[in-house]
Amino acid sequence: MLEVAAYGVRVASVKKPDSIPLYAVSSSIVVIAPVFICASLYILIGRLIRSTGDSSDPRDKNSVVRFGKLSSSWIPKLYVASDVTSLLMQASGSAIGGSNDWYGSQADVGVNVLIAGLVLQLATFSLFLLLVIWFDLKTSPRYSGDSEENRVRLVLNGIYVAGFFIMVRLIYRVVEFAMEIGTYTWSHEWLLYVLEATPMFIALVVLGWYHPSRWIKKSLSGRSK
């Protein structure tokens, strides 16, 4: 919904190119929207871990996937907490920078806060992908065949593809805001559509096609509570 709203405001901005507030609002929402997509993936990996038979009890020796003394139920919570922090930092940075239409010293402060939020999101998502790879290697022998439970493999494939495009988008955003306002990345709109809109569109389509409720509904609903 935020992605649609962001580009809806951008359409209005194109029709009124002299309106800096419209541009600022659109740019801010475009930056913030993917945070919620990442959060949904963090929650999903927790569900997938528990769908393997993990009891969320670190003392359970029969658990397929264990994290030492850390309960697997805490994994998505930690990632989401980091994502929420990133969201607040990006929202604060956008608000500070946009308060004066992205000009002056306030713009510099806002950009720096926003960059810090983006870097935190990039680091969190990188660690998430490492967790997905670890989980995949740990459980891959179980996921073969055509049973519904084994369709976890398809969902993981979707996460890999979507994760790649989300990483492309995150790297682009960090580089963009790290460069000064008025430089090439700020003055050429094609970069936004090629490295922001297109990757997020592909990621959403892939996650929609490999949605867990379509492939592993029974296994998740029966073991994720």
Protein backbone atom coordinates (compact mmCIF):
# COMPACT_ATOMS: atom_id res chain seq x y z
CA MET A 1 0.00 0.00 0.00
CA LEU A 2 2.85 2.36 0.80
CA GLU A 3 4.58 1.56 -2.49
CA VAL A 4 1.38 2.36 -4.40
CA ALA A 5 0.86 5.55 -2.38
CA ALA A 6 4.47 6.62 -2.99
CA TYR A 7 4.25 6.38 -6.75
CA GLY A 8 0.74 7.83 -6.72
CA VAL A 9 2.13 10.95 -5.06
CA ARG A 10 4.98 10.88 -7.56
CA VAL A 11 2.49 11.01 -10.44
CA ALA A 12 1.01 14.12 -8.86
CA SER A 13 4.54 15.47 -8.44
CA VAL A 14 5.27 14.98 -12.14
CA LYS A 15 2.17 17.01 -13.01
CA LYS A 16 3.34 19.75 -10.63
CA PRO A 17 7.13 19.81 -11.04
CA ASP A 18 7.46 23.06 -9.07
CA SER A 19 5.94 21.51 -5.93
CA ILE A 20 8.86 20.45 -3.75
CA PRO A 21 6.57 19.16 -0.92
CA LEU A 22 4.98 16.60 -3.27
CA TYR A 23 8.40 15.44 -4.37
CA ALA A 24 9.64 15.26 -0.77
CA VAL A 25 6.62 13.24 0.38
CA SER A 26 6.94 10.82 -2.53
CA SER A 27 10.66 10.32 -1.99
CA SER A 28 10.20 9.77 1.74
CA ILE A 29 7.49 7.10 1.31
CA VAL A 30 9.45 5.34 -1.44
CA VAL A 31 12.40 4.99 0.95
CA ILE A 32 10.32 3.82 3.93
CA ALA A 33 7.95 1.34 2.23
CA PRO A 34 10.43 -1.57 1.75
CA VAL A 35 11.07 -1.67 5.51
CA PHE A 36 7.71 -3.40 5.99
CA ILE A 37 8.47 -5.92 3.25
CA CYS A 38 11.70 -6.83 5.02
CA ALA A 39 9.84 -7.14 8.32
CA SER A 40 7.41 -9.62 6.77
CA LEU A 41 10.35 -11.76 5.62
CA TYR A 42 11.84 -11.73 9.12
CA ILE A 43 8.57 -13.03 10.52
CA LEU A 44 8.37 -15.62 7.72
CA ILE A 45 11.77 -17.13 8.51
CA GLY A 46 10.63 -17.64 12.10
CA ARG A 47 7.56 -19.48 10.84
CA LEU A 48 9.66 -21.60 8.51
CA ILE A 49 12.04 -22.52 11.32
CA ARG A 50 9.15 -23.67 13.49
CA SER A 51 7.56 -25.50 10.57
CA THR A 52 10.59 -27.83 10.53
CA GLY A 53 9.63 -29.15 13.92
CA ASP A 54 11.58 -26.73 16.08
CA SER A 55 9.85 -26.54 19.43
CA SER A 56 11.22 -23.04 20.14
CA ASP A 57 12.72 -24.57 23.28
CA PRO A 58 16.55 -24.48 23.28
CA ARG A 59 16.57 -27.48 25.63
CA ASP A 60 14.75 -29.67 23.10
CA LYS A 61 17.39 -32.02 21.69
CA ASN A 62 14.94 -33.33 19.09
CA SER A 63 14.60 -29.95 17.44
CA VAL A 64 15.71 -29.92 13.81
CA VAL A 65 16.97 -26.33 13.93
CA ARG A 66 18.46 -25.00 17.15
CA PHE A 67 20.34 -21.81 18.03
CA GLY A 68 22.23 -22.86 21.13
CA LYS A 69 20.56 -21.30 24.15
CA LEU A 70 18.52 -18.87 22.03
CA SER A 71 14.92 -19.82 21.32
CA SER A 72 14.07 -19.65 17.63
CA SER A 73 11.00 -17.57 18.50
CA TRP A 74 13.38 -14.72 19.32
CA ILE A 75 15.00 -14.72 15.88
CA PRO A 76 12.22 -12.80 14.05
CA LYS A 77 11.72 -10.56 17.08
CA LEU A 78 15.35 -9.43 17.00
CA TYR A 79 15.25 -8.81 13.25
CA VAL A 80 11.94 -6.95 13.41
CA ALA A 81 13.23 -4.82 16.32
CA SER A 82 16.22 -3.83 14.20
CA ASP A 83 13.90 -3.14 11.25
CA VAL A 84 11.64 -0.93 13.37
CA THR A 85 14.70 1.01 14.54
CA SER A 86 15.73 1.41 10.91
CA LEU A 87 12.21 2.59 10.04
CA LEU A 88 12.22 5.21 12.80
CA MET A 89 15.65 6.46 11.74
CA GLN A 90 14.64 6.71 8.09
CA ALA A 91 11.34 8.39 8.93
CA SER A 92 13.12 10.84 11.25
CA GLY A 93 15.75 11.57 8.63
CA SER A 94 13.11 12.16 5.97
CA ALA A 95 11.13 14.43 8.30
CA ILE A 96 14.21 16.47 9.27
CA GLY A 97 15.48 16.77 5.71
CA GLY A 98 12.06 17.47 4.23
CA SER A 99 11.13 20.09 6.83
CA ASN A 100 12.97 22.67 4.77
CA ASP A 101 12.33 21.05 1.38
CA TRP A 102 15.71 19.25 1.49
CA TYR A 103 17.76 22.43 1.59
CA GLY A 104 20.22 23.88 4.11
CA SER A 105 21.88 22.42 7.19
CA GLN A 106 18.70 20.57 8.21
CA ALA A 107 18.85 18.65 4.94
CA ASP A 108 22.40 17.50 5.75
CA VAL A 109 21.34 16.30 9.21
CA GLY A 110 18.30 14.56 7.78
CA VAL A 111 20.33 12.81 5.07
CA ASN A 112 22.90 11.61 7.61
CA VAL A 113 20.20 10.16 9.86
CA LEU A 114 18.50 8.57 6.86
CA ILE A 115 21.79 7.04 5.66
CA ALA A 116 22.36 5.56 9.13
CA GLY A 117 18.89 4.00 8.97
CA LEU A 118 19.55 2.59 5.50
CA VAL A 119 22.92 1.16 6.55
CA LEU A 120 21.27 -0.49 9.56
CA GLN A 121 18.60 -1.95 7.27
CA LEU A 122 21.25 -3.16 4.83
CA ALA A 123 23.24 -4.82 7.62
CA THR A 124 20.11 -6.41 9.12
CA PHE A 125 18.96 -7.75 5.76
CA SER A 126 22.43 -9.11 4.98
CA LEU A 127 22.42 -11.03 8.28
CA PHE A 128 18.90 -12.22 7.46
CA LEU A 129 20.06 -13.68 4.14
CA LEU A 130 22.92 -15.44 5.94
CA LEU A 131 20.35 -16.91 8.34
CA VAL A 132 18.23 -18.08 5.40
CA ILE A 133 21.27 -19.77 3.81
CA TRP A 134 22.16 -21.41 7.14
CA PHE A 135 18.58 -22.61 7.59
CA ASP A 136 18.53 -23.90 4.01
CA LEU A 137 21.74 -25.89 4.46
CA LYS A 138 20.52 -27.26 7.79
CA THR A 139 17.19 -28.49 6.48
CA SER A 140 17.76 -29.10 2.75
CA PRO A 141 17.87 -32.92 3.07
CA ARG A 142 14.26 -32.85 4.28
CA TYR A 143 12.92 -30.71 1.46
CA SER A 144 12.73 -32.91 -1.60
CA GLY A 145 9.76 -34.44 -3.31
CA ASP A 146 6.26 -33.15 -3.95
CA SER A 147 4.61 -33.18 -0.52
CA GLU A 148 3.19 -29.93 0.80
CA GLU A 149 5.70 -29.73 3.62
CA ASN A 150 8.55 -30.09 1.16
CA ARG A 151 7.34 -27.06 -0.76
CA VAL A 152 9.29 -25.00 1.75
CA ARG A 153 11.99 -25.27 -0.90
CA LEU A 154 9.87 -23.19 -3.28
CA VAL A 155 9.30 -20.51 -0.66
CA LEU A 156 13.04 -20.38 0.05
CA ASN A 157 13.73 -19.97 -3.66
CA GLY A 158 11.33 -17.05 -3.68
CA ILE A 159 13.11 -15.48 -0.70
CA TYR A 160 16.47 -15.84 -2.47
CA VAL A 161 15.25 -14.14 -5.65
CA ALA A 162 13.37 -11.39 -3.82
CA GLY A 163 16.27 -10.96 -1.41
CA PHE A 164 18.69 -10.35 -4.27
CA PHE A 165 16.59 -7.54 -5.72
CA ILE A 166 15.97 -6.02 -2.29
CA MET A 167 19.74 -5.98 -1.71
CA VAL A 168 20.24 -4.22 -5.07
CA ARG A 169 17.74 -1.59 -4.00
CA LEU A 170 19.31 -1.14 -0.54
CA ILE A 171 22.82 -0.70 -1.94
CA TYR A 172 21.55 1.84 -4.47
CA ARG A 173 19.81 3.85 -1.76
CA VAL A 174 22.87 3.94 0.49
CA VAL A 175 25.03 5.11 -2.43
CA GLU A 176 22.44 7.68 -3.53
CA PHE A 177 22.08 9.36 -0.16
CA ALA A 178 25.82 9.13 0.50
CA MET A 179 26.31 11.41 -2.53
CA GLU A 180 25.52 15.09 -2.15
CA ILE A 181 22.12 16.46 -3.14
CA GLY A 182 22.28 17.74 -6.70
CA THR A 183 24.67 15.07 -7.96
CA TYR A 184 23.94 12.61 -10.76
CA THR A 185 21.88 10.17 -8.66
CA TRP A 186 19.61 13.00 -7.51
CA SER A 187 19.18 14.74 -10.86
CA HIS A 188 18.54 11.69 -13.10
CA GLU A 189 15.21 10.00 -12.51
CA TRP A 190 15.91 6.85 -14.51
CA LEU A 191 18.02 5.51 -11.63
CA LEU A 192 14.98 5.58 -9.35
CA TYR A 193 12.93 3.44 -11.73
CA VAL A 194 15.73 1.03 -12.65
CA LEU A 195 17.30 0.53 -9.20
CA GLU A 196 14.37 1.24 -6.87
CA ALA A 197 10.99 0.72 -8.53
CA THR A 198 11.92 -2.25 -10.74
CA PRO A 199 13.75 -4.31 -8.07
CA MET A 200 10.93 -3.78 -5.55
CA PHE A 201 8.29 -4.63 -8.16
CA ILE A 202 10.10 -7.87 -9.04
CA ALA A 203 10.55 -8.71 -5.35
CA LEU A 204 6.85 -8.19 -4.64
CA VAL A 205 5.79 -10.28 -7.65
CA VAL A 206 8.14 -13.11 -6.64
CA LEU A 207 6.99 -13.04 -3.01
CA GLY A 208 3.38 -12.98 -4.20
CA TRP A 209 3.93 -16.05 -6.38
CA TYR A 210 5.86 -17.94 -3.70
CA HIS A 211 3.59 -16.81 -0.91
CA PRO A 212 3.77 -19.34 1.97
CA SER A 213 -0.02 -19.60 2.24
CA ARG A 214 -0.06 -20.94 -1.31
CA TRP A 215 2.63 -23.58 -0.91
CA ILE A 216 2.95 -24.59 2.74
CA LYS A 217 -0.24 -23.45 4.39
CA LYS A 218 -0.91 -26.65 6.34
CA SER A 219 2.63 -27.17 7.58
CA LEU A 220 2.92 -23.59 8.77
CA SER A 221 -0.51 -23.26 10.34
CA GLY A 222 -0.05 -26.52 12.19
CA ARG A 223 3.37 -25.77 13.69
CA SER A 224 3.90 -22.04 13.92
CA LYS A 225 1.78 -21.23 16.95
